[in-house]
Amino acid sequence: MKFGFISSFGTIDQHVGLAREIEEHGWDGFFTWDAISLSGEWAMPVYDPFGVLAAAAAVTERITLGAMVFAVPRHRPWELAQRALTVDRLSGGRLVLPVGVGVTDDRGFTSVPGQATELKDRAALLDETLAWLEKSWSGEEFEFSGEQITTGPFRFPEPPVNGRIPVWPVGVWDAERPPTKNLRRALRWDGIVPQLRGTADDLTTDDIAALVEWLTANRPDGAEDRPFDVILQGKLSDDPAQAAEQARAMADAGVTWWIESWWDPAKDSAESLLKKVRQGPPTL
């Protein structure tokens, strides 16, 4: 199992500095986040995720880079493709794309007339934007015609370093009533960032094991041997032995990426994140 860390608070310099610290202290991935203008306790400076990741690429050599998560329906497909390709090339192919429908308390949705705010519309935009993005990796000229997105000819002559950029959609899990359409979206791509339906509670090892069993049984024909990641966010214990025990249990259940995730504006800060990063990930 690999270990990542989200840089959830700080100035632009602190975010980039944390990426360097994450690599130096043995973590496997640095993740920023994607928002434009929030209010209330989240009324703080936020930065373009691809700008942060480009800077992180310049000061690191090994770690995976991404955001938890990219709000894809808010991005124009051709601009998303260009920004992703730029960071992919700068990093030598280390970019991943965790993706979701976005949160509508972001004014990038609510303050812009015509932006999709209904869940079904954002989900449709997510699917079509990802399809557009994949076409952009071919190196060939293409056109696109969908219900939400229609474009004339585009061509991105330089493909991603590894031919494609791994895409990790957010997927909702409910063991009693698996949301098939939502889960099959993830199965079309390279991984899943799971969350429980109807609650913000953390997934248990039983939840993960049941999800992985469903995903394994429903992999598309021909995809059985393709790498597929299960990415879980959470908080490990400050005690190294307990943290290692927690991580081993999640790895045994099928988690392939653990992402340390600290989001409380009243308690967490750039300084507390740095302290946690310097403790390093658990040893399994």
C-alpha atoms as a PDB file:
ATOM      1  CA  MET A   1       0.000   0.000   0.000  1.00  0.00           C
ATOM      2  CA  LYS A   2       1.174   3.532  -0.818  1.00  0.00           C
ATOM      3  CA  PHE A   3       0.804   6.562   1.432  1.00  0.00           C
ATOM      4  CA  GLY A   4      -0.134  10.082   0.345  1.00  0.00           C
ATOM      5  CA  PHE A   5      -0.740  13.336   2.175  1.00  0.00           C
ATOM      6  CA  ILE A   6      -3.136  16.220   1.429  1.00  0.00           C
ATOM      7  CA  SER A   7      -1.792  19.748   1.829  1.00  0.00           C
ATOM      8  CA  SER A   8      -5.083  21.180   3.060  1.00  0.00           C
ATOM      9  CA  PHE A   9      -3.891  24.446   4.643  1.00  0.00           C
ATOM     10  CA  GLY A  10      -1.173  27.011   4.056  1.00  0.00           C
ATOM     11  CA  THR A  11       0.219  29.722   1.825  1.00  0.00           C
ATOM     12  CA  ILE A  12       1.352  28.877  -1.673  1.00  0.00           C
ATOM     13  CA  ASP A  13       4.950  28.650  -0.439  1.00  0.00           C
ATOM     14  CA  GLN A  14       3.920  26.346   2.392  1.00  0.00           C
ATOM     15  CA  HIS A  15       2.089  24.018  -0.007  1.00  0.00           C
ATOM     16  CA  VAL A  16       5.117  23.709  -2.256  1.00  0.00           C
ATOM     17  CA  GLY A  17       7.437  23.338   0.722  1.00  0.00           C
ATOM     18  CA  LEU A  18       5.240  20.556   2.094  1.00  0.00           C
ATOM     19  CA  ALA A  19       5.549  18.668  -1.203  1.00  0.00           C
ATOM     20  CA  ARG A  20       9.333  18.671  -0.762  1.00  0.00           C
ATOM     21  CA  GLU A  21       8.984  17.500   2.859  1.00  0.00           C
ATOM     22  CA  ILE A  22       6.567  14.742   1.816  1.00  0.00           C
ATOM     23  CA  GLU A  23       9.155  13.329  -0.561  1.00  0.00           C
ATOM     24  CA  GLU A  24      12.011  13.702   1.912  1.00  0.00           C
ATOM     25  CA  HIS A  25      10.134  11.850   4.668  1.00  0.00           C
ATOM     26  CA  GLY A  26       9.215   8.767   2.703  1.00  0.00           C
ATOM     27  CA  TRP A  27       5.637   9.411   1.586  1.00  0.00           C
ATOM     28  CA  ASP A  28       4.489   8.289  -1.851  1.00  0.00           C
ATOM     29  CA  GLY A  29       2.184  11.121  -2.911  1.00  0.00           C
ATOM     30  CA  PHE A  30       1.435  14.842  -2.520  1.00  0.00           C
ATOM     31  CA  PHE A  31      -2.135  16.017  -3.040  1.00  0.00           C
ATOM     32  CA  THR A  32      -3.560  19.522  -3.149  1.00  0.00           C
ATOM     33  CA  TRP A  33      -7.285  20.376  -3.583  1.00  0.00           C
ATOM     34  CA  ASP A  34      -9.484  22.109  -6.123  1.00  0.00           C
ATOM     35  CA  ALA A  35     -11.651  25.092  -5.157  1.00  0.00           C
ATOM     36  CA  ILE A  36     -12.061  28.694  -6.294  1.00  0.00           C
ATOM     37  CA  SER A  37     -14.071  30.736  -3.772  1.00  0.00           C
ATOM     38  CA  LEU A  38     -15.535  29.382  -0.543  1.00  0.00           C
ATOM     39  CA  SER A  39     -17.217  31.141   2.374  1.00  0.00           C
ATOM     40  CA  GLY A  40     -17.557  30.803   6.143  1.00  0.00           C
ATOM     41  CA  GLU A  41     -14.740  28.970   7.897  1.00  0.00           C
ATOM     42  CA  TRP A  42     -13.287  28.104   4.471  1.00  0.00           C
ATOM     43  CA  ALA A  43     -12.934  31.736   3.348  1.00  0.00           C
ATOM     44  CA  MET A  44      -9.182  31.430   2.884  1.00  0.00           C
ATOM     45  CA  PRO A  45      -6.742  31.772  -0.010  1.00  0.00           C
ATOM     46  CA  VAL A  46      -7.076  28.917  -2.492  1.00  0.00           C
ATOM     47  CA  TYR A  47      -4.821  28.253  -5.446  1.00  0.00           C
ATOM     48  CA  ASP A  48      -5.084  26.711  -8.885  1.00  0.00           C
ATOM     49  CA  PRO A  49      -4.322  23.013  -8.305  1.00  0.00           C
ATOM     50  CA  PHE A  50      -2.362  22.608 -11.522  1.00  0.00           C
ATOM     51  CA  GLY A  51      -0.205  25.615 -10.639  1.00  0.00           C
ATOM     52  CA  VAL A  52       0.532  24.099  -7.218  1.00  0.00           C
ATOM     53  CA  LEU A  53       1.282  20.708  -8.774  1.00  0.00           C
ATOM     54  CA  ALA A  54       3.557  22.220 -11.412  1.00  0.00           C
ATOM     55  CA  ALA A  55       5.564  23.888  -8.648  1.00  0.00           C
ATOM     56  CA  ALA A  56       5.580  20.633  -6.650  1.00  0.00           C
ATOM     57  CA  ALA A  57       6.838  18.770  -9.729  1.00  0.00           C
ATOM     58  CA  ALA A  58       9.774  21.162  -9.931  1.00  0.00           C
ATOM     59  CA  VAL A  59      10.927  20.472  -6.357  1.00  0.00           C
ATOM     60  CA  THR A  60      10.355  16.686  -6.257  1.00  0.00           C
ATOM     61  CA  GLU A  61      11.538  13.715  -8.274  1.00  0.00           C
ATOM     62  CA  ARG A  62       9.703  10.620  -7.054  1.00  0.00           C
ATOM     63  CA  ILE A  63       6.280  11.181  -5.526  1.00  0.00           C
ATOM     64  CA  THR A  64       2.880  10.953  -7.206  1.00  0.00           C
ATOM     65  CA  LEU A  65       1.056  14.287  -7.633  1.00  0.00           C
ATOM     66  CA  GLY A  66      -2.688  14.980  -7.672  1.00  0.00           C
ATOM     67  CA  ALA A  67      -5.624  16.763  -6.029  1.00  0.00           C
ATOM     68  CA  MET A  68      -8.362  15.415  -3.776  1.00  0.00           C
ATOM     69  CA  VAL A  69     -10.378  15.903  -5.835  1.00  0.00           C
ATOM     70  CA  PHE A  70     -10.526  17.752  -9.157  1.00  0.00           C
ATOM     71  CA  ALA A  71     -13.998  19.290  -9.628  1.00  0.00           C
ATOM     72  CA  VAL A  72     -14.171  18.260 -13.273  1.00  0.00           C
ATOM     73  CA  PRO A  73     -17.566  19.788 -14.273  1.00  0.00           C
ATOM     74  CA  ARG A  74     -16.184  23.250 -13.400  1.00  0.00           C
ATOM     75  CA  HIS A  75     -13.284  22.859 -15.875  1.00  0.00           C
ATOM     76  CA  ARG A  76     -13.506  23.317 -19.628  1.00  0.00           C
ATOM     77  CA  PRO A  77     -12.336  20.034 -21.188  1.00  0.00           C
ATOM     78  CA  TRP A  78      -9.701  21.541 -23.494  1.00  0.00           C
ATOM     79  CA  GLU A  79      -8.215  23.624 -20.680  1.00  0.00           C
ATOM     80  CA  LEU A  80      -8.245  20.654 -18.316  1.00  0.00           C
ATOM     81  CA  ALA A  81      -6.469  18.568 -20.953  1.00  0.00           C
ATOM     82  CA  GLN A  82      -3.758  21.191 -21.489  1.00  0.00           C
ATOM     83  CA  ARG A  83      -3.144  21.758 -17.766  1.00  0.00           C
ATOM     84  CA  ALA A  84      -3.028  18.048 -17.003  1.00  0.00           C
ATOM     85  CA  LEU A  85      -0.632  17.394 -19.878  1.00  0.00           C
ATOM     86  CA  THR A  86       1.617  20.239 -18.706  1.00  0.00           C
ATOM     87  CA  VAL A  87       1.945  18.853 -15.170  1.00  0.00           C
ATOM     88  CA  ASP A  88       2.268  15.291 -16.471  1.00  0.00           C
ATOM     89  CA  ARG A  89       5.200  16.320 -18.660  1.00  0.00           C
ATOM     90  CA  LEU A  90       6.836  18.526 -16.001  1.00  0.00           C
ATOM     91  CA  SER A  91       6.688  15.661 -13.493  1.00  0.00           C
ATOM     92  CA  GLY A  92       7.836  12.917 -15.836  1.00  0.00           C
ATOM     93  CA  GLY A  93       4.494  11.136 -15.754  1.00  0.00           C
ATOM     94  CA  ARG A  94       3.741  11.379 -12.017  1.00  0.00           C
ATOM     95  CA  LEU A  95       0.301  13.028 -12.241  1.00  0.00           C
ATOM     96  CA  VAL A  96      -2.917  11.240 -11.243  1.00  0.00           C
ATOM     97  CA  LEU A  97      -6.440  12.640 -11.577  1.00  0.00           C
ATOM     98  CA  PRO A  98      -8.808  11.918  -8.674  1.00  0.00           C
ATOM     99  CA  VAL A  99     -12.082  13.342 -10.023  1.00  0.00           C
ATOM    100  CA  GLY A 100     -15.594  14.143  -8.846  1.00  0.00           C
ATOM    101  CA  VAL A 101     -18.654  16.269  -9.569  1.00  0.00           C
ATOM    102  CA  GLY A 102     -17.545  19.134  -7.300  1.00  0.00           C
ATOM    103  CA  VAL A 103     -19.252  20.770  -4.329  1.00  0.00           C
ATOM    104  CA  THR A 104     -21.854  23.402  -5.085  1.00  0.00           C
ATOM    105  CA  ASP A 105     -20.949  25.673  -2.156  1.00  0.00           C
ATOM    106  CA  ASP A 106     -17.970  26.654  -4.316  1.00  0.00           C
ATOM    107  CA  ARG A 107     -18.839  29.998  -5.902  1.00  0.00           C
ATOM    108  CA  GLY A 108     -17.193  28.720  -9.064  1.00  0.00           C
ATOM    109  CA  PHE A 109     -20.521  26.934  -9.455  1.00  0.00           C
ATOM    110  CA  THR A 110     -23.074  29.095  -7.656  1.00  0.00           C
ATOM    111  CA  SER A 111     -21.901  32.571  -8.703  1.00  0.00           C
ATOM    112  CA  VAL A 112     -21.583  31.810 -12.412  1.00  0.00           C
ATOM    113  CA  PRO A 113     -24.799  31.837 -14.473  1.00  0.00           C
ATOM    114  CA  GLY A 114     -25.216  28.740 -16.585  1.00  0.00           C
ATOM    115  CA  GLN A 115     -22.973  26.477 -14.523  1.00  0.00           C
ATOM    116  CA  ALA A 116     -24.402  23.005 -13.919  1.00  0.00           C
ATOM    117  CA  THR A 117     -25.457  22.649 -10.299  1.00  0.00           C
ATOM    118  CA  GLU A 118     -27.878  19.700 -10.395  1.00  0.00           C
ATOM    119  CA  LEU A 119     -26.164  16.447  -9.497  1.00  0.00           C
ATOM    120  CA  LYS A 120     -27.315  14.599 -12.624  1.00  0.00           C
ATOM    121  CA  ASP A 121     -26.045  17.409 -14.866  1.00  0.00           C
ATOM    122  CA  ARG A 122     -22.668  17.536 -13.133  1.00  0.00           C
ATOM    123  CA  ALA A 123     -22.394  13.748 -13.374  1.00  0.00           C
ATOM    124  CA  ALA A 124     -23.096  13.891 -17.113  1.00  0.00           C
ATOM    125  CA  LEU A 125     -20.484  16.619 -17.522  1.00  0.00           C
ATOM    126  CA  LEU A 126     -17.982  14.549 -15.569  1.00  0.00           C
ATOM    127  CA  ASP A 127     -18.465  11.566 -17.867  1.00  0.00           C
ATOM    128  CA  GLU A 128     -18.257  13.554 -21.094  1.00  0.00           C
ATOM    129  CA  THR A 129     -15.256  15.598 -19.952  1.00  0.00           C
ATOM    130  CA  LEU A 130     -13.360  12.422 -19.060  1.00  0.00           C
ATOM    131  CA  ALA A 131     -14.245  10.945 -22.459  1.00  0.00           C
ATOM    132  CA  TRP A 132     -12.993  14.153 -24.119  1.00  0.00           C
ATOM    133  CA  LEU A 133      -9.823  14.040 -22.045  1.00  0.00           C
ATOM    134  CA  GLU A 134      -9.071  10.473 -23.086  1.00  0.00           C
ATOM    135  CA  LYS A 135      -9.449  11.378 -26.758  1.00  0.00           C
ATOM    136  CA  SER A 136      -6.933  14.185 -26.267  1.00  0.00           C
ATOM    137  CA  TRP A 137      -4.277  11.629 -25.328  1.00  0.00           C
ATOM    138  CA  SER A 138      -4.330   9.940 -28.750  1.00  0.00           C
ATOM    139  CA  GLY A 139      -2.085  12.483 -30.456  1.00  0.00           C
ATOM    140  CA  GLU A 140      -4.572  12.492 -33.332  1.00  0.00           C
ATOM    141  CA  GLU A 141      -7.053  15.165 -34.395  1.00  0.00           C
ATOM    142  CA  PHE A 142     -10.549  14.519 -33.054  1.00  0.00           C
ATOM    143  CA  GLU A 143     -13.986  16.057 -32.767  1.00  0.00           C
ATOM    144  CA  PHE A 144     -16.504  15.426 -30.006  1.00  0.00           C
ATOM    145  CA  SER A 145     -20.290  15.354 -29.928  1.00  0.00           C
ATOM    146  CA  GLY A 146     -22.159  14.686 -26.692  1.00  0.00           C
ATOM    147  CA  GLU A 147     -25.252  15.833 -24.842  1.00  0.00           C
ATOM    148  CA  GLN A 148     -23.269  18.284 -22.704  1.00  0.00           C
ATOM    149  CA  ILE A 149     -20.121  18.919 -24.759  1.00  0.00           C
ATOM    150  CA  THR A 150     -19.705  19.399 -28.496  1.00  0.00           C
ATOM    151  CA  THR A 151     -16.456  20.630 -30.048  1.00  0.00           C
ATOM    152  CA  GLY A 152     -14.866  20.902 -33.443  1.00  0.00           C
ATOM    153  CA  PRO A 153     -11.347  19.690 -34.235  1.00  0.00           C
ATOM    154  CA  PHE A 154      -8.707  19.570 -31.518  1.00  0.00           C
ATOM    155  CA  ARG A 155      -5.290  17.984 -31.493  1.00  0.00           C
ATOM    156  CA  PHE A 156      -2.740  17.610 -28.710  1.00  0.00           C
ATOM    157  CA  PRO A 157       0.318  16.293 -30.599  1.00  0.00           C
ATOM    158  CA  GLU A 158       2.225  15.301 -27.443  1.00  0.00           C
ATOM    159  CA  PRO A 159       0.618  12.455 -25.468  1.00  0.00           C
ATOM    160  CA  PRO A 160       1.078  11.954 -21.722  1.00  0.00           C
ATOM    161  CA  VAL A 161       4.424  10.480 -20.683  1.00  0.00           C
ATOM    162  CA  ASN A 162       2.931   7.038 -20.034  1.00  0.00           C
ATOM    163  CA  GLY A 163       0.330   7.204 -22.800  1.00  0.00           C
ATOM    164  CA  ARG A 164      -2.475   8.072 -20.377  1.00  0.00           C
ATOM    165  CA  ILE A 165      -2.936   9.728 -16.985  1.00  0.00           C
ATOM    166  CA  PRO A 166      -4.549   7.536 -14.296  1.00  0.00           C
ATOM    167  CA  VAL A 167      -8.099   8.675 -13.470  1.00  0.00           C
ATOM    168  CA  TRP A 168      -9.589   7.912 -10.033  1.00  0.00           C
ATOM    169  CA  PRO A 169     -13.311   8.820  -9.873  1.00  0.00           C
ATOM    170  CA  VAL A 170     -15.101   9.275  -6.577  1.00  0.00           C
ATOM    171  CA  GLY A 171     -17.456   6.328  -6.096  1.00  0.00           C
ATOM    172  CA  VAL A 172     -20.338   5.951  -3.665  1.00  0.00           C
ATOM    173  CA  TRP A 173     -20.652   2.621  -1.860  1.00  0.00           C
ATOM    174  CA  ASP A 174     -23.734   1.040  -0.290  1.00  0.00           C
ATOM    175  CA  ALA A 175     -23.418  -2.671   0.458  1.00  0.00           C
ATOM    176  CA  GLU A 176     -27.178  -3.206   0.593  1.00  0.00           C
ATOM    177  CA  ARG A 177     -27.918  -1.310  -2.633  1.00  0.00           C
ATOM    178  CA  PRO A 178     -24.722  -0.891  -4.677  1.00  0.00           C
ATOM    179  CA  PRO A 179     -25.142   2.203  -6.919  1.00  0.00           C
ATOM    180  CA  THR A 180     -24.249   0.368 -10.100  1.00  0.00           C
ATOM    181  CA  LYS A 181     -24.042   3.318 -12.495  1.00  0.00           C
ATOM    182  CA  ASN A 182     -21.761   5.235 -10.165  1.00  0.00           C
ATOM    183  CA  LEU A 183     -19.480   2.271  -9.534  1.00  0.00           C
ATOM    184  CA  ARG A 184     -19.253   1.289 -13.191  1.00  0.00           C
ATOM    185  CA  ARG A 185     -17.919   4.785 -13.939  1.00  0.00           C
ATOM    186  CA  ALA A 186     -14.951   4.021 -11.712  1.00  0.00           C
ATOM    187  CA  LEU A 187     -14.471   0.615 -13.322  1.00  0.00           C
ATOM    188  CA  ARG A 188     -14.081   2.286 -16.726  1.00  0.00           C
ATOM    189  CA  TRP A 189     -11.031   4.087 -15.379  1.00  0.00           C
ATOM    190  CA  ASP A 190      -8.051   3.372 -13.136  1.00  0.00           C
ATOM    191  CA  GLY A 191      -9.243   3.512  -9.542  1.00  0.00           C
ATOM    192  CA  ILE A 192     -11.898   4.606  -7.088  1.00  0.00           C
ATOM    193  CA  VAL A 193     -12.029   7.130  -4.227  1.00  0.00           C
ATOM    194  CA  PRO A 194     -14.871   5.578  -2.204  1.00  0.00           C
ATOM    195  CA  GLN A 195     -17.320   7.217   0.148  1.00  0.00           C
ATOM    196  CA  LEU A 196     -20.364   5.840   1.918  1.00  0.00           C
ATOM    197  CA  ARG A 197     -23.768   6.773   0.518  1.00  0.00           C
ATOM    198  CA  GLY A 198     -25.691   9.257   2.658  1.00  0.00           C
ATOM    199  CA  THR A 199     -23.047   9.828   5.340  1.00  0.00           C
ATOM    200  CA  ALA A 200     -19.649  11.381   5.923  1.00  0.00           C
ATOM    201  CA  ASP A 201     -18.598   8.455   8.144  1.00  0.00           C
ATOM    202  CA  ASP A 202     -15.310   6.730   7.393  1.00  0.00           C
ATOM    203  CA  LEU A 203     -15.398   3.389   5.604  1.00  0.00           C
ATOM    204  CA  THR A 204     -14.565   0.384   7.765  1.00  0.00           C
ATOM    205  CA  THR A 205     -12.448  -2.572   6.709  1.00  0.00           C
ATOM    206  CA  ASP A 206     -15.696  -4.514   6.196  1.00  0.00           C
ATOM    207  CA  ASP A 207     -16.982  -1.750   3.888  1.00  0.00           C
ATOM    208  CA  ILE A 208     -13.770  -1.816   1.865  1.00  0.00           C
ATOM    209  CA  ALA A 209     -13.687  -5.609   1.622  1.00  0.00           C
ATOM    210  CA  ALA A 210     -17.298  -5.683   0.362  1.00  0.00           C
ATOM    211  CA  LEU A 211     -16.577  -2.897  -2.145  1.00  0.00           C
ATOM    212  CA  VAL A 212     -13.459  -4.624  -3.472  1.00  0.00           C
ATOM    213  CA  GLU A 213     -15.385  -7.893  -3.809  1.00  0.00           C
ATOM    214  CA  TRP A 214     -18.082  -6.119  -5.869  1.00  0.00           C
ATOM    215  CA  LEU A 215     -15.513  -4.327  -8.027  1.00  0.00           C
ATOM    216  CA  THR A 216     -13.587  -7.524  -8.682  1.00  0.00           C
ATOM    217  CA  ALA A 217     -16.735  -9.386  -9.677  1.00  0.00           C
ATOM    218  CA  ASN A 218     -17.823  -6.605 -12.033  1.00  0.00           C
ATOM    219  CA  ARG A 219     -14.580  -5.696 -13.806  1.00  0.00           C
ATOM    220  CA  PRO A 220     -15.243  -5.233 -17.550  1.00  0.00           C
ATOM    221  CA  ASP A 221     -14.127  -8.023 -19.857  1.00  0.00           C
ATOM    222  CA  GLY A 222     -10.474  -7.641 -20.722  1.00  0.00           C
ATOM    223  CA  ALA A 223      -9.747  -5.349 -17.762  1.00  0.00           C
ATOM    224  CA  GLU A 224      -8.933  -8.028 -15.215  1.00  0.00           C
ATOM    225  CA  ASP A 225      -5.171  -7.555 -15.547  1.00  0.00           C
ATOM    226  CA  ARG A 226      -5.228  -3.749 -15.746  1.00  0.00           C
ATOM    227  CA  PRO A 227      -4.008  -1.956 -12.592  1.00  0.00           C
ATOM    228  CA  PHE A 228      -6.868  -0.601 -10.479  1.00  0.00           C
ATOM    229  CA  ASP A 229      -6.395   1.393  -7.279  1.00  0.00           C
ATOM    230  CA  VAL A 230      -8.625   1.765  -4.220  1.00  0.00           C
ATOM    231  CA  ILE A 231      -7.840   5.119  -2.605  1.00  0.00           C
ATOM    232  CA  LEU A 232      -8.996   5.814   0.941  1.00  0.00           C
ATOM    233  CA  GLN A 233      -8.769   9.087   2.850  1.00  0.00           C
ATOM    234  CA  GLY A 234      -8.548   9.248   6.624  1.00  0.00           C
ATOM    235  CA  LYS A 235      -6.425   9.886   9.698  1.00  0.00           C
ATOM    236  CA  LEU A 236      -3.907   7.448  11.110  1.00  0.00           C
ATOM    237  CA  SER A 237      -3.013   7.353  14.777  1.00  0.00           C
ATOM    238  CA  ASP A 238      -0.096   9.443  16.028  1.00  0.00           C
ATOM    239  CA  ASP A 239       1.208   6.271  17.656  1.00  0.00           C
ATOM    240  CA  PRO A 240       3.432   4.508  15.072  1.00  0.00           C
ATOM    241  CA  ALA A 241       2.445   0.992  16.158  1.00  0.00           C
ATOM    242  CA  GLN A 242      -1.268   1.778  16.054  1.00  0.00           C
ATOM    243  CA  ALA A 243      -0.905   3.562  12.715  1.00  0.00           C
ATOM    244  CA  ALA A 244       0.854   0.537  11.241  1.00  0.00           C
ATOM    245  CA  GLU A 245      -1.911  -1.745  12.558  1.00  0.00           C
ATOM    246  CA  GLN A 246      -4.605   0.493  11.024  1.00  0.00           C
ATOM    247  CA  ALA A 247      -2.781   0.599   7.694  1.00  0.00           C
ATOM    248  CA  ARG A 248      -2.219  -3.169   7.580  1.00  0.00           C
ATOM    249  CA  ALA A 249      -5.928  -3.772   8.183  1.00  0.00           C
ATOM    250  CA  MET A 250      -6.880  -1.459   5.306  1.00  0.00           C
ATOM    251  CA  ALA A 251      -4.271  -3.008   3.014  1.00  0.00           C
ATOM    252  CA  ASP A 252      -5.596  -6.478   3.820  1.00  0.00           C
ATOM    253  CA  ALA A 253      -9.125  -5.267   2.955  1.00  0.00           C
ATOM    254  CA  GLY A 254      -7.943  -4.072  -0.478  1.00  0.00           C
ATOM    255  CA  VAL A 255      -6.866  -0.432  -0.097  1.00  0.00           C
ATOM    256  CA  THR A 256      -3.901   0.367  -2.371  1.00  0.00           C
ATOM    257  CA  TRP A 257      -3.494   4.070  -1.464  1.00  0.00           C
ATOM    258  CA  TRP A 258      -3.973   5.600   1.986  1.00  0.00           C
ATOM    259  CA  ILE A 259      -4.240   9.414   1.893  1.00  0.00           C
ATOM    260  CA  GLU A 260      -3.733  11.308   5.159  1.00  0.00           C
ATOM    261  CA  SER A 261      -6.554  13.852   5.244  1.00  0.00           C
ATOM    262  CA  TRP A 262      -6.816  16.669   7.823  1.00  0.00           C
ATOM    263  CA  TRP A 263      -9.591  19.212   7.158  1.00  0.00           C
ATOM    264  CA  ASP A 264     -10.579  20.923  10.433  1.00  0.00           C
ATOM    265  CA  PRO A 265      -9.946  24.704  10.124  1.00  0.00           C
ATOM    266  CA  ALA A 266     -10.320  25.042  13.901  1.00  0.00           C
ATOM    267  CA  LYS A 267      -7.564  22.522  14.678  1.00  0.00           C
ATOM    268  CA  ASP A 268      -5.424  21.907  11.614  1.00  0.00           C
ATOM    269  CA  SER A 269      -2.880  24.282  10.100  1.00  0.00           C
ATOM    270  CA  ALA A 270       0.127  24.343   7.812  1.00  0.00           C
ATOM    271  CA  GLU A 271       2.303  23.909  10.895  1.00  0.00           C
ATOM    272  CA  SER A 272       0.419  20.864  12.194  1.00  0.00           C
ATOM    273  CA  LEU A 273       0.486  19.284   8.724  1.00  0.00           C
ATOM    274  CA  LEU A 274       4.251  19.727   8.543  1.00  0.00           C
ATOM    275  CA  LYS A 275       4.653  18.064  11.934  1.00  0.00           C
ATOM    276  CA  LYS A 276       2.601  15.063  10.793  1.00  0.00           C
ATOM    277  CA  VAL A 277       4.478  14.793   7.501  1.00  0.00           C
ATOM    278  CA  ARG A 278       7.808  14.721   9.334  1.00  0.00           C
ATOM    279  CA  GLN A 279       6.627  11.709  11.348  1.00  0.00           C
ATOM    280  CA  GLY A 280       6.638   9.774   8.051  1.00  0.00           C
ATOM    281  CA  PRO A 281       4.216   7.081   6.932  1.00  0.00           C
ATOM    282  CA  PRO A 282       3.841   3.849   8.914  1.00  0.00           C
ATOM    283  CA  THR A 283       6.100   0.899   8.215  1.00  0.00           C
ATOM    284  CA  LEU A 284       4.135  -2.174   7.180  1.00  0.00           C
END
